[in-house]
Protein backbone atom coordinates (compact mmCIF):
# COMPACT_ATOMS: atom_id res chain seq x y z
CA MET A 1 128.17 78.69 45.85
CA PRO A 2 127.70 77.14 49.30
CA ALA A 3 124.59 75.07 49.82
CA GLY A 4 121.75 77.00 51.42
CA LYS A 5 120.77 76.32 55.00
CA GLY A 6 117.66 78.45 55.27
CA HIS A 7 116.41 78.45 51.67
CA THR A 8 116.66 76.30 48.58
CA MET A 9 117.00 77.41 44.97
CA ASN A 10 113.81 76.88 42.98
CA ALA A 11 114.11 74.47 40.07
CA ILE A 12 111.98 76.85 38.01
CA TYR A 13 113.35 80.38 37.88
CA ASN A 14 110.37 82.25 36.50
CA GLU A 15 107.32 82.26 38.77
CA ASP A 16 104.14 84.17 39.44
CA VAL A 17 103.86 86.34 42.53
CA ASP A 18 101.04 83.96 43.51
CA HIS A 19 103.75 81.38 44.27
CA LEU A 20 105.09 83.33 47.23
CA ALA A 21 104.81 81.38 50.47
CA PRO A 22 105.80 81.69 54.14
CA GLY A 23 109.56 81.25 54.38
CA ASP A 24 110.25 83.37 51.29
CA HIS A 25 112.59 86.37 51.36
CA ILE A 26 112.33 88.55 48.25
CA ALA A 27 113.94 91.72 46.94
CA ILE A 28 112.09 93.92 44.46
CA LEU A 29 114.48 95.83 42.17
CA TYR A 30 112.57 98.63 40.45
CA HIS A 31 113.07 101.95 38.66
CA GLU A 32 109.65 103.63 38.78
CA LYS A 33 107.37 104.09 41.77
CA ALA A 34 104.38 102.88 39.73
CA GLU A 35 106.13 99.55 39.17
CA PHE A 36 106.60 99.03 42.89
CA GLU A 37 102.99 100.02 43.61
CA GLU A 38 101.72 97.53 41.05
CA ILE A 39 103.68 94.69 42.64
CA THR A 40 102.61 95.84 46.10
CA ARG A 41 98.98 95.68 45.02
CA GLU A 42 99.41 92.06 43.85
CA ILE A 43 101.00 91.09 47.16
CA LEU A 44 98.15 92.80 49.05
CA GLU A 45 95.66 90.61 47.19
CA LEU A 46 97.77 87.57 47.96
CA CYS A 47 97.77 88.48 51.67
CA ALA A 48 93.98 88.73 51.64
CA ARG A 49 93.58 85.34 49.90
CA ASN A 50 96.03 83.53 52.18
CA LYS A 51 95.02 85.36 55.35
CA TRP A 52 98.45 86.85 55.97
CA CYS A 53 98.77 89.86 58.27
CA LEU A 54 100.66 92.65 56.47
CA LEU A 55 103.20 94.93 58.14
CA TYR A 56 104.17 97.69 55.71
CA ILE A 57 107.30 99.70 56.50
CA ALA A 58 107.15 102.83 54.35
CA ARG A 59 110.24 104.82 53.35
CA LEU A 60 108.27 108.07 53.50
CA PRO A 61 104.79 108.73 54.89
CA GLN A 62 101.92 108.47 52.39
CA GLU A 63 104.26 107.50 49.53
CA ASN A 64 102.68 104.25 48.33
CA ILE A 65 99.13 104.87 47.12
CA ALA A 66 98.31 101.16 47.11
CA LEU A 67 99.01 100.99 50.85
CA THR A 68 97.91 104.37 52.15
CA LEU A 69 94.42 103.63 50.82
CA LYS A 70 94.27 100.86 53.41
CA GLY A 71 94.45 103.23 56.35
CA ASP A 72 96.42 105.96 58.07
CA LEU A 73 100.01 105.47 59.06
CA ASN A 74 100.64 103.79 62.40
CA THR A 75 97.19 102.18 62.31
CA LYS A 76 96.04 98.64 61.73
CA GLU A 77 93.05 98.04 59.50
CA LYS A 78 91.86 94.76 57.89
CA GLY A 79 95.12 92.99 58.60
CA VAL A 80 97.37 95.84 57.42
CA LYS A 81 99.70 97.75 59.75
CA ILE A 82 101.73 100.65 58.33
CA VAL A 83 104.76 102.29 59.92
CA SER A 84 107.29 104.71 58.44
CA HIS A 85 111.06 104.98 58.67
CA GLN A 86 110.36 108.47 60.01
CA ASN A 87 108.17 107.09 62.80
CA SER A 88 109.50 106.74 66.34
CA GLU A 89 108.20 103.18 66.58
CA PHE A 90 110.41 102.20 63.66
CA HIS A 91 113.54 103.75 65.14
CA LEU A 92 112.87 102.19 68.52
CA ASN A 93 112.34 98.68 67.18
CA PHE A 94 114.87 98.69 64.33
CA SER A 95 117.78 100.41 66.10
CA SER A 96 119.71 97.13 66.00
CA ALA A 97 119.44 93.73 64.35
CA LYS A 98 118.62 92.19 67.73
CA ASN A 99 115.78 94.64 68.37
CA ALA A 100 114.46 94.12 64.83
CA GLN A 101 114.38 90.34 65.24
CA ALA A 102 112.57 90.65 68.58
CA TYR A 103 110.06 93.11 67.08
CA ILE A 104 109.35 90.83 64.10
CA ARG A 105 108.86 87.85 66.42
CA ARG A 106 106.30 89.86 68.42
CA GLN A 107 104.48 90.80 65.22
CA ILE A 108 104.39 87.15 64.12
CA ARG A 109 103.01 86.11 67.50
CA ASN A 110 100.38 88.87 67.41
CA ALA A 111 99.34 87.87 63.88
CA LYS A 112 98.96 84.23 64.92
CA ASP A 113 96.95 85.21 67.99
CA ALA A 114 94.65 87.27 65.76
CA GLY A 115 93.97 84.23 63.55
CA TYR A 116 96.30 85.00 60.63
CA SER A 117 98.31 82.18 59.07
CA ALA A 118 101.54 84.19 58.65
CA LEU A 119 103.08 87.66 58.75
CA CYS A 120 104.05 89.40 55.52
CA ILE A 121 106.45 92.35 55.78
CA ILE A 122 106.83 94.75 52.86
CA ARG A 123 109.63 97.23 53.41
CA GLU A 124 110.61 100.19 51.26
CA VAL A 125 114.35 100.21 51.93
CA PRO A 126 115.89 103.71 52.26
CA PRO A 127 119.16 104.49 50.47
CA ILE A 128 122.18 102.66 51.91
CA GLY A 129 125.31 104.76 52.34
CA SER A 130 128.20 104.06 50.02
CA ARG A 131 130.39 103.24 53.01
CA ARG A 132 127.98 100.66 54.41
CA SER A 133 129.88 97.44 55.06
CA SER A 134 128.80 94.38 53.07
CA GLN A 135 129.51 92.22 56.10
CA LYS A 136 127.20 94.42 58.21
CA LEU A 137 124.29 93.80 55.80
CA VAL A 138 125.12 90.10 55.66
CA GLY A 139 125.26 89.94 59.43
CA ASP A 140 121.83 91.55 59.76
CA MET A 141 120.37 89.00 57.34
CA ALA A 142 122.01 86.07 59.16
CA GLY A 143 119.91 86.85 62.20
CA LEU A 144 116.69 86.57 60.18
CA GLU A 145 117.31 83.09 58.78
CA PRO A 146 115.68 81.23 61.72
CA LEU A 147 112.51 83.29 61.23
CA PHE A 148 112.23 82.11 57.60
CA ASP A 149 112.94 78.51 58.62
CA GLU A 150 109.86 78.59 60.86
CA LYS A 151 107.65 79.29 57.80
CA ASN A 152 105.69 82.02 59.56
CA LEU A 153 107.18 85.00 57.72
CA VAL A 154 107.22 86.41 54.19
CA MET A 155 109.54 89.39 53.76
CA VAL A 156 109.55 91.60 50.65
CA CYS A 157 112.15 94.38 50.45
CA GLY A 158 111.82 97.10 47.79
CA TYR A 159 114.95 98.74 46.36
CA LYS A 160 114.63 101.70 44.00
CA MET A 161 117.74 101.03 41.97
CA ASP A 162 118.83 104.58 41.27
CA LEU A 163 119.05 105.25 45.04
CA PHE A 164 121.70 102.56 45.69
CA PRO A 165 125.34 102.24 44.60
CA PRO A 166 126.25 99.09 42.61
CA HIS A 167 128.05 97.38 45.48
CA ALA A 168 124.96 97.80 47.70
CA LEU A 169 122.76 96.20 45.02
CA GLN A 170 125.25 93.34 44.77
CA ASP A 171 124.79 92.82 48.49
CA VAL A 172 121.04 92.76 47.91
CA LEU A 173 121.49 90.01 45.32
CA ARG A 174 123.72 88.05 47.67
CA THR A 175 121.27 88.21 50.58
CA HIS A 176 117.86 87.56 48.98
CA PRO A 177 116.97 84.05 47.71
CA LYS A 178 114.38 85.46 45.30
CA ILE A 179 114.33 88.61 43.19
CA ILE A 180 111.51 90.45 41.45
CA LEU A 181 113.21 91.97 38.41
CA ASP A 182 111.32 93.51 35.47
CA ARG A 183 108.09 92.47 37.26
CA LYS A 184 109.14 88.79 37.17
CA LEU A 185 109.82 86.63 40.20
CA VAL A 186 113.08 84.71 39.66
CA GLY A 187 115.14 82.34 41.76
CA ASN A 188 118.37 84.16 42.59
CA LEU A 189 121.43 82.38 41.22
CA PHE A 190 123.74 84.65 43.23
CA TYR A 191 122.16 84.10 46.63
CA ILE A 192 124.44 82.94 49.45
CA PRO A 193 122.96 82.12 52.88
CA ALA A 194 124.10 84.88 55.18
CA SER A 195 125.37 82.42 57.77
CA ASP A 196 127.74 81.04 55.13
CA ALA A 197 128.66 84.39 53.58
CA MET A 198 129.85 85.74 56.95
CA GLN A 199 132.74 83.27 56.85
CA TYR A 200 134.58 85.03 54.02
CA THR A 201 134.99 88.39 52.30
CA LEU A 202 132.62 88.83 49.38
CA PRO A 203 134.24 89.84 46.07
CA SER A 204 132.83 92.61 43.91
CA ILE A 205 131.68 91.73 40.40
CA GLU A 206 130.23 94.03 37.74
CA LEU A 207 126.57 94.52 38.73
CA GLN A 208 125.14 94.72 35.21
CA HIS A 209 126.55 91.28 34.47
CA TRP A 210 124.60 89.91 37.42
CA LEU A 211 121.36 91.55 36.34
CA ASP A 212 121.76 90.44 32.72
CA THR A 213 122.41 86.88 33.89
CA LEU A 214 119.22 86.83 35.94
CA ARG A 215 117.24 88.27 33.02
CA ASN A 216 118.64 85.65 30.65
CA LEU A 217 117.90 82.85 33.09
CA SER A 218 114.38 84.18 33.50
CA SER A 219 113.79 84.18 29.72
CA THR A 220 115.33 80.73 29.30
CA SER A 221 113.39 79.23 32.17
CA GLN A 222 110.17 80.74 30.83
CA ALA A 223 110.81 79.06 27.47
CA LEU A 224 111.56 75.78 29.27
CA ALA A 225 108.38 76.17 31.34
CA GLU A 226 106.34 76.68 28.16
CA THR A 227 107.91 73.56 26.63
CA GLU A 228 107.17 71.64 29.82
CA ASP A 229 103.56 72.86 29.68
CA ARG A 230 103.23 71.60 26.10
CA PHE A 231 104.58 68.17 27.02
CA ARG A 232 102.35 68.02 30.08
CA ASP A 233 99.37 68.95 27.91
CA ILE A 234 100.22 66.08 25.55
CA LEU A 235 100.50 63.63 28.44
CA GLU A 236 97.33 64.86 30.14
CA ASN A 237 95.27 64.55 26.96
CA ALA A 238 96.68 61.21 25.76
CA ASN A 239 94.20 58.34 25.48
CA ASP A 240 96.65 55.89 27.03
CA LEU A 241 97.10 55.45 30.79
CA ILE A 242 100.43 57.06 31.75
CA GLN A 243 102.01 56.73 35.18
CA SER A 244 105.30 57.20 37.02
CA VAL A 245 106.03 55.40 40.29
CA SER A 246 108.78 55.78 42.91
CA PRO A 247 110.86 52.80 44.13
CA GLU A 248 108.60 52.78 47.21
CA GLY A 249 105.55 52.32 45.00
CA LYS A 250 104.16 55.85 45.40
CA PHE A 251 102.62 57.51 42.36
CA LEU A 252 104.66 60.48 41.18
CA TYR A 253 102.46 61.22 38.15
CA VAL A 254 99.32 59.89 36.49
CA ASN A 255 97.52 61.50 33.56
CA ARG A 256 93.85 62.31 33.11
CA ALA A 257 93.02 59.09 31.23
CA TRP A 258 94.51 57.11 34.14
CA ARG A 259 92.46 59.02 36.71
CA ASP A 260 89.24 58.81 34.69
CA THR A 261 89.62 55.08 33.96
CA LEU A 262 90.49 54.09 37.53
CA GLU A 263 88.06 56.63 39.05
CA TYR A 264 90.50 58.41 41.39
CA SER A 265 90.96 62.14 41.94
CA ALA A 266 94.41 63.71 41.93
CA GLU A 267 94.22 64.06 45.72
CA GLU A 268 93.33 60.39 46.15
CA VAL A 269 96.18 59.27 43.89
CA SER A 270 98.71 60.93 46.21
CA THR A 271 97.66 58.50 48.97
CA LEU A 272 97.84 55.34 46.84
CA ASN A 273 100.49 52.69 46.42
CA ILE A 274 100.96 51.01 43.04
CA PHE A 275 99.65 47.72 44.42
CA ASP A 276 96.44 49.36 45.65
CA ILE A 277 95.18 49.48 42.06
CA ILE A 278 96.25 45.96 41.02
CA ASP A 279 93.53 43.32 40.83
CA PRO A 280 94.25 40.37 43.17
CA SER A 281 94.45 38.06 40.15
CA SER A 282 97.50 40.03 38.88
CA LEU A 283 99.08 40.98 42.20
CA GLU A 284 101.88 38.41 42.44
CA HIS A 285 102.65 38.74 38.74
CA CYS A 286 102.89 42.54 39.05
CA LYS A 287 105.05 42.40 42.18
CA THR A 288 107.55 40.24 40.30
CA LEU A 289 107.49 42.60 37.32
CA PHE A 290 107.96 45.66 39.57
CA SER A 291 111.05 44.12 41.17
CA CYS A 292 112.47 43.27 37.75
CA VAL A 293 111.86 46.78 36.41
CA MET A 294 113.49 48.39 39.46
CA ALA A 295 116.49 46.10 38.91
CA GLY A 296 116.82 47.46 35.38
CA THR A 297 115.52 44.35 33.61
CA ASP A 298 113.76 44.78 30.27
CA VAL A 299 110.44 43.02 30.86
CA GLY A 300 109.10 43.70 27.37
CA ARG A 301 105.39 44.12 26.77
CA ILE A 302 103.33 43.27 29.82
CA GLU A 303 99.70 42.49 30.53
CA ALA A 304 97.96 43.07 33.84
CA MET A 305 94.58 43.64 35.38
CA PHE A 306 93.97 46.83 37.35
CA ARG A 307 91.02 47.44 39.64
CA SER A 308 89.23 50.80 39.71
CA LYS A 309 88.02 52.58 42.83
CA SER A 310 84.54 51.08 42.38
CA GLY A 311 85.96 47.57 41.89
CA LYS A 312 85.71 47.46 38.09
CA LYS A 313 88.35 45.29 36.41
CA VAL A 314 90.51 47.08 33.85
CA TYR A 315 92.64 44.96 31.51
CA VAL A 316 95.80 46.79 30.39
CA GLU A 317 98.82 46.06 28.26
CA GLY A 318 101.87 48.23 27.70
CA ASN A 319 105.50 48.92 28.49
CA VAL A 320 107.38 49.93 31.65
CA ASN A 321 110.97 50.98 32.19
CA CYS A 322 112.98 52.61 34.95
CA LYS A 323 115.02 55.81 35.26
CA THR A 324 118.29 55.12 37.06
CA GLU A 325 121.09 57.34 38.34
CA ASP A 326 124.43 55.93 39.49
CA GLY A 327 122.92 52.48 39.28
CA LYS A 328 120.04 53.34 41.62
CA PRO A 329 116.37 53.30 40.52
CA GLN A 330 114.68 56.71 40.62
CA TYR A 331 111.22 56.14 39.14
CA THR A 332 109.34 54.07 36.59
CA ARG A 333 107.81 55.30 33.35
CA ALA A 334 104.81 53.34 32.09
CA ILE A 335 102.32 53.69 29.26
CA PHE A 336 99.35 51.32 29.26
CA ARG A 337 96.50 50.79 26.84
CA ASP A 338 93.08 49.96 28.23
CA VAL A 339 92.17 46.74 26.40
CA THR A 340 89.13 45.89 28.50
CA ALA A 341 86.75 46.24 25.52
CA LEU A 342 89.02 44.07 23.35
CA LYS A 343 89.19 41.42 26.07
CA MET A 344 85.42 41.42 26.39
CA GLU A 345 85.08 41.15 22.63
CA GLU A 346 87.53 38.26 22.58
CA LYS A 347 85.60 36.54 25.35
CA THR A 348 82.35 37.02 23.43
CA ARG A 349 83.96 35.60 20.29
CA ARG A 350 85.17 32.52 22.16
CA GLU A 351 81.67 31.96 23.56
CA ARG A 352 80.23 32.37 20.06
CA GLU A 353 82.70 29.87 18.65
CA GLN A 354 81.77 27.36 21.33
CA VAL A 355 78.13 27.64 20.26
CA LEU A 356 79.05 27.31 16.60
CA ASP A 357 81.34 24.38 17.35
CA ALA A 358 78.51 22.55 19.01
CA VAL A 359 76.17 23.13 16.06
CA LEU A 360 78.31 23.13 12.93
CA ASN A 361 80.53 20.19 13.80
CA LEU A 362 77.42 18.02 13.57
CA THR A 363 77.48 18.37 9.77
CA PRO A 364 80.04 16.56 7.59
CA ASN A 365 80.14 19.44 5.09
CA ALA A 366 82.71 22.24 5.24
CA THR A 367 80.79 25.12 6.82
CA VAL A 368 81.98 28.68 7.34
CA VAL A 369 80.43 31.73 9.06
CA THR A 370 81.41 34.99 7.35
CA THR A 371 80.64 38.68 7.51
CA PRO A 372 78.67 40.24 4.60
CA GLU A 373 82.08 41.19 3.17
CA GLY A 374 83.19 37.56 3.05
CA ILE A 375 85.56 37.69 6.06
CA MET A 376 85.58 34.39 7.92
CA LEU A 377 84.64 34.39 11.61
CA TYR A 378 84.41 30.66 12.17
CA ALA A 379 84.92 27.39 10.27
CA ASN A 380 84.14 23.88 11.39
CA LYS A 381 86.76 21.16 11.27
CA PRO A 382 86.07 19.98 7.70
CA ALA A 383 86.38 23.60 6.47
CA ARG A 384 89.58 24.24 8.41
CA SER A 385 91.17 21.17 6.84
CA LEU A 386 90.58 22.37 3.27
CA THR A 387 94.00 24.05 2.99
CA PRO A 388 97.32 23.65 4.86
CA VAL A 389 97.27 27.37 5.69
CA THR A 390 93.99 27.30 7.61
CA VAL A 391 94.95 24.06 9.33
CA ARG A 392 98.10 25.80 10.60
CA GLU A 393 96.89 29.39 11.21
CA GLY A 394 93.10 29.14 11.55
CA VAL A 395 90.51 31.09 9.58
CA TYR A 396 89.45 34.00 11.79
CA GLY A 397 89.82 37.31 9.96
CA LYS A 398 90.82 35.74 6.64
CA PRO A 399 88.69 36.08 3.46
CA LEU A 400 86.61 33.11 2.38
CA TRP A 401 88.49 32.92 -0.93
CA ALA A 402 91.63 32.02 1.01
CA LEU A 403 90.20 28.48 0.91
CA LEU A 404 90.08 28.52 -2.90
CA SER A 405 92.48 28.46 -5.80
CA PRO A 406 93.73 31.92 -6.87
CA GLY A 407 91.22 33.75 -9.05
CA GLY A 408 88.04 32.85 -7.18
CA GLU A 409 87.71 36.11 -5.25
CA GLU A 410 85.55 38.01 -7.73
CA GLU A 411 83.10 35.14 -8.18
CA VAL A 412 82.67 34.79 -4.41
CA LYS A 413 82.09 38.54 -3.99
CA ARG A 414 79.57 38.57 -6.88
CA SER A 415 77.67 35.61 -5.44
CA ILE A 416 77.56 37.11 -1.90
CA ALA A 417 76.22 40.41 -3.28
CA LEU A 418 73.51 38.54 -5.21
CA PHE A 419 72.59 36.54 -2.10
CA LEU A 420 72.29 39.69 0.03
CA GLU A 421 70.10 41.30 -2.64
CA GLU A 422 67.82 38.38 -3.63
CA GLY A 423 68.06 35.89 -0.78
CA PRO A 424 68.99 32.20 -0.67
CA ASP A 425 67.11 31.17 -3.83
CA ILE A 426 70.02 31.85 -6.11
CA PRO A 427 72.30 29.43 -8.00
CA ALA A 428 75.20 28.00 -6.04
CA CYS A 429 78.53 29.77 -6.41
CA GLN A 430 80.77 27.67 -8.68
CA VAL A 431 84.49 27.94 -7.86
CA GLN A 432 87.67 25.91 -8.03
CA GLY A 433 89.00 24.56 -4.78
CA CYS A 434 92.60 24.58 -3.69
CA ASP A 435 92.78 20.94 -4.74
CA GLY A 436 92.01 21.96 -8.32
CA LYS A 437 88.57 20.38 -8.31
CA ALA A 438 85.19 22.05 -8.81
CA TRP A 439 83.42 23.22 -5.66
CA GLN A 440 80.09 24.91 -5.04
CA ILE A 441 79.09 27.25 -2.25
CA ASP A 442 75.51 27.55 -1.00
CA TRP A 443 74.57 30.61 1.06
CA SER A 444 72.11 31.04 3.92
CA HIS A 445 71.62 33.42 6.82
CA ALA A 446 73.38 32.41 10.02
CA GLY A 447 70.65 31.91 12.60
CA PHE A 448 72.27 30.88 15.85
CA GLY A 449 71.03 33.72 17.99
CA ARG A 450 71.66 37.46 18.25
CA GLN A 451 75.43 37.01 18.27
CA THR A 452 75.38 35.76 14.66
CA ALA A 453 72.65 38.05 13.33
CA GLY A 454 73.65 39.57 9.98
CA TYR A 455 76.29 36.93 9.29
CA ILE A 456 76.33 34.51 6.37
CA LEU A 457 76.56 30.73 6.49
CA ALA A 458 78.58 29.28 3.59
CA ILE A 459 78.34 25.52 2.96
CA ILE A 460 81.11 24.27 0.70
CA ARG A 461 80.78 20.99 -1.23
CA ARG A 462 82.89 19.29 -3.82
CA VAL A 463 81.04 18.79 -7.11
CA GLU A 464 81.01 15.06 -7.81
């Protein structure tokens, strides 16, 4: 099919009537009058919400209940003007395509002058004769394309299918970018811009095949839309910060966790550049990473510091990669974890260790600070040198019995439990050290301030 000049095919076929907008040209294919009235009623509500002026061109006077309730024919009430194909005004203004275009332009201008944002025309199309030329219909439509390009007009044409021969309905499909079929708004796969279609003779294809194709596309696209909604729901409700950025640095997508953490609304995000949310301390680092990602380089796991709208620093770590097509970057995909709390905890632990270093390194005995479960948080230098493993890897997070010969775990646990129950006046814990010699462990409460409250101080001595 030739590329459209006045309209573009929607990426999503199945839409709500609420998605109609100025510039749209739609055909309603219906069987029962009640179906057309129901759709008409929805469009009336849409006109009221969007402040569109409605021009209704009725096939017969007083035929559409939804419209005739708005006022008498040939009158204008609350933004609704109704004329009939049997009315002299219609015949005068629609006697030729040129007259019709001039009339519609006047109506658009009048609507704008009256404060409406656009003109919406709903037309009940009368039966088209079986000898009506396809090129004549196409030619009429070609003259309307500039009106749609100006985004001031919505036109909805109703076709009662049993009143039209198949070839006429095929022309309808060729000349309307969108179709309402079975009460569903679908992008029309068979649409050809009239200005293009006039350049060649249009072939005839079995109509039912066209309708079945549109129905199948509608069902398929609805299933795809539901799948897309599920994936979007997963992304929106993820705890991680998820973002997608264009090569120019504009945000294409951010999820709820991202917006909540960085304190921006969806509207504000649309005005941001990726570097607007980078803390100055990470700016040069992130600029280098961004260039590498856009070049297709695998940068591995990255760390950065973001800055929220209020100036709060947010430490993140995660992965970023880039979608490319024909070797050109299209957008980045990034998932970050907010590790601010972990960074603060790590900073607090380092400060605590500095305090403990200053105090515990004054004693020549091996001294260890543990949790009530016996997990080591800190060890002074004599304690760290008890085994090659702790000299090499440190002690943080390891159990106290890692300093001992295998088999000492139960005795250490028993002694800690007794200490927590009865206090420090208990016998020393007798164990075998990693050097094979007898050691004893004396317990006391760690008392170096609030940061060590609840911890246990273990003093380890060799038994001479």
